[in-house]
Amino acid sequence: MAVGSAQMAKPGASPADYILLTIFLKHDQSKTLGEINQELARSGFWRAFPPPGIDVDSWYVVMGLGQVVTLRVPPSRLREVNLAIEKTAWKAFRTEFYPAYDYKDIAKSQREKEAQKNK
């Protein structure tokens, strides 16, 4: 699936510079896929989402649910992402948002500290 104007995630970005925003784009099952795609084309979804410069961390289709998109969003641009969804996705999808932050390096450090204690 093409991601449009969005960039794929940059591995060098610091977790202090962004939040992870997972968006569930739940299919409206009263519509066919063709009808959903027509609505997305009509609304300009693929031009507007994600906004230029917002990094896509992952984008999956989940059968029976819809699409699950995780973005790396600078906190100051959160409203911009929300508006892109409100203006272009709502007739095609029901949406849910889950902001998070990257805990991987912190958890790794804590595990290493515990391992050192047990030696």
Protein backbone atom coordinates (compact mmCIF):
# COMPACT_ATOMS: atom_id res chain seq x y z
CA MET A 1 0.00 0.00 0.00
CA ALA A 2 1.35 3.40 -0.92
CA VAL A 3 1.77 5.82 1.94
CA GLY A 4 1.45 8.95 -0.19
CA SER A 5 3.36 12.02 0.92
CA ALA A 6 4.18 10.59 4.33
CA GLN A 7 7.71 9.54 5.13
CA MET A 8 8.57 6.20 6.64
CA ALA A 9 9.81 6.45 10.22
CA LYS A 10 13.27 7.87 10.77
CA PRO A 11 15.26 5.60 13.08
CA GLY A 12 17.39 8.47 14.44
CA ALA A 13 14.51 10.47 15.91
CA SER A 14 14.60 10.72 19.68
CA PRO A 15 11.53 9.60 21.66
CA ALA A 16 11.66 13.03 23.29
CA ASP A 17 10.79 14.55 19.89
CA TYR A 18 7.58 12.64 19.20
CA ILE A 19 4.72 10.57 20.53
CA LEU A 20 3.49 7.40 18.90
CA LEU A 21 -0.11 7.75 17.81
CA THR A 22 -1.95 4.58 16.85
CA ILE A 23 -5.13 5.22 14.91
CA PHE A 24 -7.74 2.55 14.30
CA LEU A 25 -9.57 3.27 11.05
CA LYS A 26 -12.51 0.91 11.49
CA HIS A 27 -14.33 0.01 8.31
CA ASP A 28 -17.98 0.98 8.05
CA GLN A 29 -19.30 -2.50 7.30
CA SER A 30 -22.52 -1.10 5.88
CA LYS A 31 -20.40 -0.04 2.88
CA THR A 32 -18.51 -2.12 0.34
CA LEU A 33 -14.79 -1.64 -0.13
CA GLY A 34 -15.55 0.18 -3.37
CA GLU A 35 -17.84 2.60 -1.57
CA ILE A 36 -15.23 3.21 1.14
CA ASN A 37 -12.55 3.86 -1.49
CA GLN A 38 -14.87 6.25 -3.35
CA GLU A 39 -15.47 8.19 -0.14
CA LEU A 40 -11.73 8.37 0.59
CA ALA A 41 -11.07 9.66 -2.95
CA ARG A 42 -13.90 12.20 -2.72
CA SER A 43 -12.70 13.57 0.61
CA GLY A 44 -9.04 13.80 -0.41
CA PHE A 45 -7.97 11.37 2.32
CA TRP A 46 -4.84 10.14 0.51
CA ARG A 47 -3.61 13.72 -0.06
CA ALA A 48 -4.33 14.87 3.49
CA PHE A 49 -3.40 11.88 5.65
CA PRO A 50 -0.98 11.74 7.16
CA PRO A 51 -0.02 15.40 6.89
CA PRO A 52 3.29 16.07 5.11
CA GLY A 53 6.28 15.48 7.36
CA ILE A 54 4.48 13.15 9.77
CA ASP A 55 6.33 9.82 9.86
CA VAL A 56 4.47 6.54 9.39
CA ASP A 57 5.82 3.91 11.79
CA SER A 58 3.47 1.17 10.55
CA TRP A 59 0.27 0.75 8.53
CA TYR A 60 -1.60 -2.55 8.59
CA VAL A 61 -4.89 -3.88 7.32
CA VAL A 62 -6.56 -6.01 10.00
CA MET A 63 -9.17 -8.30 8.52
CA GLY A 64 -12.61 -7.69 9.98
CA LEU A 65 -11.53 -4.44 11.62
CA GLY A 66 -10.02 -2.04 9.11
CA GLN A 67 -6.65 -0.31 9.13
CA VAL A 68 -4.28 0.35 12.01
CA VAL A 69 -1.82 3.18 11.49
CA THR A 70 0.94 4.18 13.89
CA LEU A 71 2.48 7.61 13.38
CA ARG A 72 5.41 9.39 15.00
CA VAL A 73 3.96 12.80 15.76
CA PRO A 74 5.67 15.82 17.28
CA PRO A 75 3.30 16.88 20.09
CA SER A 76 2.90 20.32 18.53
CA ARG A 77 1.40 18.68 15.40
CA LEU A 78 -1.17 16.44 17.09
CA ARG A 79 -4.06 18.78 16.25
CA GLU A 80 -3.03 18.76 12.58
CA VAL A 81 -3.26 14.96 12.45
CA ASN A 82 -6.64 15.04 14.20
CA LEU A 83 -8.01 17.59 11.71
CA ALA A 84 -6.81 15.52 8.74
CA ILE A 85 -8.83 12.58 10.08
CA GLU A 86 -11.91 14.66 10.94
CA LYS A 87 -11.99 16.30 7.52
CA THR A 88 -11.33 13.26 5.33
CA ALA A 89 -11.91 9.92 7.06
CA TRP A 90 -15.11 10.09 9.07
CA LYS A 91 -17.57 9.04 6.37
CA ALA A 92 -15.43 6.04 5.46
CA PHE A 93 -14.21 4.99 8.92
CA ARG A 94 -15.01 5.13 12.60
CA THR A 95 -11.83 6.12 14.40
CA GLU A 96 -10.07 5.46 17.68
CA PHE A 97 -6.82 7.11 18.82
CA TYR A 98 -4.21 5.69 21.20
CA PRO A 99 -1.25 7.95 22.03
CA ALA A 100 1.80 6.25 23.47
CA TYR A 101 5.51 6.77 23.95
CA ASP A 102 8.56 4.64 23.14
CA TYR A 103 9.55 2.65 26.22
CA LYS A 104 11.82 0.10 24.53
CA ASP A 105 15.19 1.60 25.55
CA ILE A 106 14.04 2.28 29.12
CA ALA A 107 12.78 -1.29 29.54
CA LYS A 108 16.03 -2.66 28.10
CA SER A 109 18.05 -0.58 30.56
CA GLN A 110 15.94 -1.76 33.50
CA ARG A 111 16.33 -5.40 32.46
CA GLU A 112 20.10 -4.96 32.19
CA LYS A 113 20.26 -3.37 35.68
CA GLU A 114 18.28 -6.28 37.14
CA ALA A 115 20.53 -8.78 35.39
CA GLN A 116 23.58 -7.09 36.94
CA LYS A 117 22.04 -7.35 40.43
CA ASN A 118 21.53 -11.09 40.03
CA LYS A 119 25.15 -11.82 39.12
